[in-house]
């Protein structure tokens, strides 16, 4: 019985796939950095982590500014300084 339990633990969670980092396909255009930074700010406030809040706040504001520029500026990436 112990031997079966040992085999189950040893071989039960092995994957048969040989995954590599190149298998992950991330699309930069589909990332929502503003939402990610907002979540990190919320976590920092929840855990009273002042250093994390000070780290993520400028990144959040920069991304928020970019998103507003994309939404309201017709010539975004051509004639703007949001980047």
N, C-alpha and C. Protein backbone atom coordinates (compact mmCIF):
# COMPACT_ATOMS: atom_id res chain seq x y z
N UNK A 1 0.83 -1.19 0.00
CA UNK A 1 0.00 0.00 0.00
C UNK A 1 0.87 1.25 0.00
N UNK A 2 1.90 1.25 0.84
CA UNK A 2 2.80 2.40 0.87
C UNK A 2 3.54 2.55 -0.45
N UNK A 3 3.88 1.41 -1.05
CA UNK A 3 4.57 1.45 -2.32
C UNK A 3 3.70 2.09 -3.41
N UNK A 4 2.42 1.75 -3.43
CA UNK A 4 1.50 2.36 -4.40
C UNK A 4 1.35 3.86 -4.15
N UNK A 5 1.26 4.23 -2.90
CA UNK A 5 1.18 5.66 -2.56
C UNK A 5 2.44 6.40 -3.00
N UNK A 6 3.58 5.78 -2.78
CA UNK A 6 4.86 6.36 -3.20
C UNK A 6 4.90 6.53 -4.72
N UNK A 7 4.45 5.51 -5.46
CA UNK A 7 4.43 5.60 -6.92
C UNK A 7 3.46 6.66 -7.40
N UNK A 8 2.35 6.77 -6.75
CA UNK A 8 1.36 7.79 -7.11
C UNK A 8 1.94 9.19 -6.95
N UNK A 9 2.61 9.43 -5.86
CA UNK A 9 3.23 10.73 -5.62
C UNK A 9 4.38 10.97 -6.60
N UNK A 10 5.15 9.96 -6.86
CA UNK A 10 6.32 10.09 -7.71
C UNK A 10 5.96 10.31 -9.17
N UNK A 11 4.99 9.58 -9.68
CA UNK A 11 4.68 9.63 -11.10
C UNK A 11 3.31 10.21 -11.42
N UNK A 12 2.54 10.58 -10.46
CA UNK A 12 1.18 11.04 -10.70
C UNK A 12 1.06 12.41 -11.34
N UNK A 13 2.02 13.27 -11.11
CA UNK A 13 1.90 14.64 -11.60
C UNK A 13 2.86 14.96 -12.74
N UNK A 14 3.43 13.97 -13.34
CA UNK A 14 4.33 14.24 -14.45
C UNK A 14 3.54 14.59 -15.69
N UNK A 15 4.08 15.56 -16.43
CA UNK A 15 3.46 15.92 -17.71
C UNK A 15 4.20 15.21 -18.83
N UNK A 16 3.50 14.91 -19.87
CA UNK A 16 4.11 14.24 -21.01
C UNK A 16 4.55 15.25 -22.07
N UNK A 17 4.26 16.52 -21.83
CA UNK A 17 4.63 17.56 -22.78
C UNK A 17 6.00 18.12 -22.41
N UNK A 18 6.75 18.45 -23.40
CA UNK A 18 8.05 19.05 -23.18
C UNK A 18 7.93 20.54 -23.51
N UNK A 19 7.43 21.32 -22.56
CA UNK A 19 7.15 22.73 -22.80
C UNK A 19 8.41 23.57 -22.72
N UNK A 20 8.44 24.62 -23.54
CA UNK A 20 9.55 25.57 -23.57
C UNK A 20 8.98 26.97 -23.43
N UNK A 21 9.78 27.95 -23.00
CA UNK A 21 9.30 29.33 -22.92
C UNK A 21 8.79 29.88 -24.25
N UNK A 22 9.33 29.39 -25.34
CA UNK A 22 8.88 29.89 -26.65
C UNK A 22 7.46 29.43 -26.98
N UNK A 23 6.93 28.47 -26.24
CA UNK A 23 5.56 28.02 -26.46
C UNK A 23 4.53 29.04 -25.98
N UNK A 24 4.94 29.93 -25.11
CA UNK A 24 4.04 30.95 -24.59
C UNK A 24 3.99 32.11 -25.57
N UNK A 25 2.81 32.41 -26.05
CA UNK A 25 2.65 33.49 -27.01
C UNK A 25 1.90 34.63 -26.33
N UNK A 26 2.60 35.71 -26.04
CA UNK A 26 2.00 36.87 -25.41
C UNK A 26 1.80 37.97 -26.44
N UNK A 27 0.63 38.55 -26.45
CA UNK A 27 0.35 39.65 -27.36
C UNK A 27 0.36 40.95 -26.57
N UNK A 28 1.30 41.81 -26.89
CA UNK A 28 1.46 43.07 -26.18
C UNK A 28 0.20 43.93 -26.28
N UNK A 29 -0.50 43.86 -27.41
CA UNK A 29 -1.69 44.69 -27.59
C UNK A 29 -2.86 44.25 -26.72
N UNK A 30 -2.86 43.01 -26.25
CA UNK A 30 -3.97 42.50 -25.45
C UNK A 30 -3.74 42.62 -23.94
N UNK A 31 -2.60 43.18 -23.55
CA UNK A 31 -2.32 43.34 -22.13
C UNK A 31 -2.98 44.60 -21.61
N UNK A 32 -3.56 44.50 -20.43
CA UNK A 32 -4.18 45.66 -19.80
C UNK A 32 -3.33 46.06 -18.60
N UNK A 33 -2.30 46.84 -18.87
CA UNK A 33 -1.36 47.22 -17.82
C UNK A 33 -2.02 48.09 -16.77
N UNK A 34 -2.96 48.93 -17.18
CA UNK A 34 -3.63 49.80 -16.21
C UNK A 34 -4.35 48.98 -15.15
N UNK A 35 -5.05 47.94 -15.58
CA UNK A 35 -5.76 47.08 -14.63
C UNK A 35 -4.78 46.31 -13.74
N UNK A 36 -3.67 45.87 -14.32
CA UNK A 36 -2.66 45.16 -13.54
C UNK A 36 -2.07 46.07 -12.47
N UNK A 37 -1.71 47.30 -12.85
CA UNK A 37 -1.13 48.22 -11.87
C UNK A 37 -2.17 48.62 -10.81
N UNK A 38 -3.43 48.76 -11.21
CA UNK A 38 -4.48 49.07 -10.24
C UNK A 38 -4.62 47.95 -9.22
N UNK A 39 -4.54 46.72 -9.68
CA UNK A 39 -4.63 45.58 -8.76
C UNK A 39 -3.43 45.55 -7.81
N UNK A 40 -2.24 45.86 -8.33
CA UNK A 40 -1.05 45.89 -7.48
C UNK A 40 -1.15 47.02 -6.45
N UNK A 41 -1.70 48.16 -6.85
CA UNK A 41 -1.90 49.26 -5.89
C UNK A 41 -2.89 48.86 -4.81
N UNK A 42 -3.94 48.17 -5.21
CA UNK A 42 -4.93 47.70 -4.23
C UNK A 42 -4.30 46.72 -3.26
N UNK A 43 -3.48 45.81 -3.78
CA UNK A 43 -2.79 44.86 -2.91
C UNK A 43 -1.83 45.57 -1.97
N UNK A 44 -1.15 46.59 -2.47
CA UNK A 44 -0.21 47.34 -1.63
C UNK A 44 -0.95 48.04 -0.50
N UNK A 45 -2.12 48.60 -0.80
CA UNK A 45 -2.92 49.25 0.26
C UNK A 45 -3.44 48.23 1.26
N UNK A 46 -3.86 47.09 0.77
CA UNK A 46 -4.38 46.04 1.64
C UNK A 46 -3.33 45.56 2.64
N UNK A 47 -2.09 45.44 2.16
CA UNK A 47 -1.02 44.89 2.99
C UNK A 47 -0.11 45.97 3.59
N UNK A 48 -0.55 47.23 3.52
CA UNK A 48 0.22 48.35 4.07
C UNK A 48 1.66 48.35 3.56
N UNK A 49 1.83 48.10 2.28
CA UNK A 49 3.15 48.06 1.65
C UNK A 49 3.41 49.39 0.95
N UNK A 50 4.04 50.30 1.67
CA UNK A 50 4.27 51.65 1.16
C UNK A 50 5.25 51.64 -0.01
N UNK A 51 6.26 50.81 0.06
CA UNK A 51 7.26 50.75 -1.01
C UNK A 51 6.62 50.29 -2.33
N UNK A 52 5.77 49.29 -2.27
CA UNK A 52 5.10 48.81 -3.48
C UNK A 52 4.16 49.88 -4.03
N UNK A 53 3.47 50.59 -3.15
CA UNK A 53 2.58 51.65 -3.61
C UNK A 53 3.37 52.73 -4.33
N UNK A 54 4.49 53.14 -3.76
CA UNK A 54 5.32 54.18 -4.39
C UNK A 54 5.95 53.68 -5.69
N UNK A 55 6.18 52.39 -5.81
CA UNK A 55 6.73 51.83 -7.04
C UNK A 55 5.67 51.81 -8.15
N UNK A 56 4.46 51.36 -7.83
CA UNK A 56 3.44 51.17 -8.87
C UNK A 56 2.65 52.43 -9.21
N UNK A 57 2.62 53.41 -8.33
CA UNK A 57 1.81 54.61 -8.59
C UNK A 57 2.23 55.34 -9.87
N UNK A 58 3.52 55.66 -10.08
CA UNK A 58 3.88 56.35 -11.33
C UNK A 58 3.62 55.49 -12.57
N UNK A 59 3.81 54.18 -12.47
CA UNK A 59 3.53 53.30 -13.60
C UNK A 59 2.04 53.30 -13.93
N UNK A 60 1.22 53.29 -12.91
CA UNK A 60 -0.23 53.33 -13.11
C UNK A 60 -0.65 54.64 -13.77
N UNK A 61 -0.12 55.74 -13.29
CA UNK A 61 -0.49 57.04 -13.85
C UNK A 61 -0.01 57.18 -15.30
N UNK A 62 1.15 56.67 -15.60
CA UNK A 62 1.67 56.71 -16.97
C UNK A 62 0.80 55.89 -17.91
N UNK A 63 0.41 54.71 -17.47
CA UNK A 63 -0.43 53.86 -18.31
C UNK A 63 -1.83 54.45 -18.46
N UNK A 64 -2.33 55.05 -17.41
CA UNK A 64 -3.64 55.70 -17.48
C UNK A 64 -3.61 56.84 -18.50
N UNK A 65 -2.52 57.60 -18.48
CA UNK A 65 -2.36 58.68 -19.44
C UNK A 65 -2.30 58.15 -20.87
N UNK A 66 -1.58 57.05 -21.07
CA UNK A 66 -1.50 56.44 -22.41
C UNK A 66 -2.87 55.99 -22.89
N UNK A 67 -3.63 55.35 -22.00
CA UNK A 67 -4.94 54.86 -22.40
C UNK A 67 -5.89 56.00 -22.75
N UNK A 68 -5.82 57.10 -22.00
CA UNK A 68 -6.65 58.27 -22.34
C UNK A 68 -6.23 58.86 -23.67
N UNK A 69 -4.92 58.88 -23.93
CA UNK A 69 -4.42 59.40 -25.20
C UNK A 69 -4.91 58.53 -26.35
N UNK A 70 -4.87 57.21 -26.18
CA UNK A 70 -5.36 56.30 -27.22
C UNK A 70 -6.84 56.53 -27.49
N UNK A 71 -7.58 56.79 -26.43
CA UNK A 71 -9.03 56.92 -26.58
C UNK A 71 -9.44 58.25 -27.22
N UNK A 72 -8.76 59.35 -26.85
CA UNK A 72 -9.21 60.66 -27.27
C UNK A 72 -8.34 61.33 -28.33
N UNK A 73 -7.14 60.86 -28.57
CA UNK A 73 -6.25 61.47 -29.54
C UNK A 73 -6.30 60.69 -30.84
N UNK A 74 -6.78 61.32 -31.89
CA UNK A 74 -6.91 60.65 -33.18
C UNK A 74 -5.54 60.27 -33.73
N UNK A 75 -4.55 61.12 -33.50
CA UNK A 75 -3.21 60.87 -34.04
C UNK A 75 -2.28 60.25 -33.00
N UNK A 76 -2.81 59.37 -32.21
CA UNK A 76 -1.99 58.69 -31.19
C UNK A 76 -0.84 57.96 -31.88
N UNK A 77 0.33 58.01 -31.29
CA UNK A 77 1.58 57.42 -31.80
C UNK A 77 2.16 58.18 -32.99
N UNK A 78 1.46 59.17 -33.52
CA UNK A 78 2.00 59.97 -34.61
C UNK A 78 2.42 61.33 -34.09
N UNK A 79 1.51 61.99 -33.41
CA UNK A 79 1.76 63.35 -32.96
C UNK A 79 1.37 63.49 -31.49
N UNK A 80 1.94 62.68 -30.64
CA UNK A 80 1.66 62.81 -29.21
C UNK A 80 2.92 62.50 -28.41
N UNK A 81 2.92 62.90 -27.19
CA UNK A 81 4.09 62.64 -26.33
C UNK A 81 3.72 61.77 -25.15
N UNK A 82 2.75 60.89 -25.31
CA UNK A 82 2.32 60.05 -24.20
C UNK A 82 3.24 58.86 -24.02
N UNK A 83 4.07 58.57 -24.98
CA UNK A 83 4.95 57.40 -24.86
C UNK A 83 6.16 57.82 -24.12
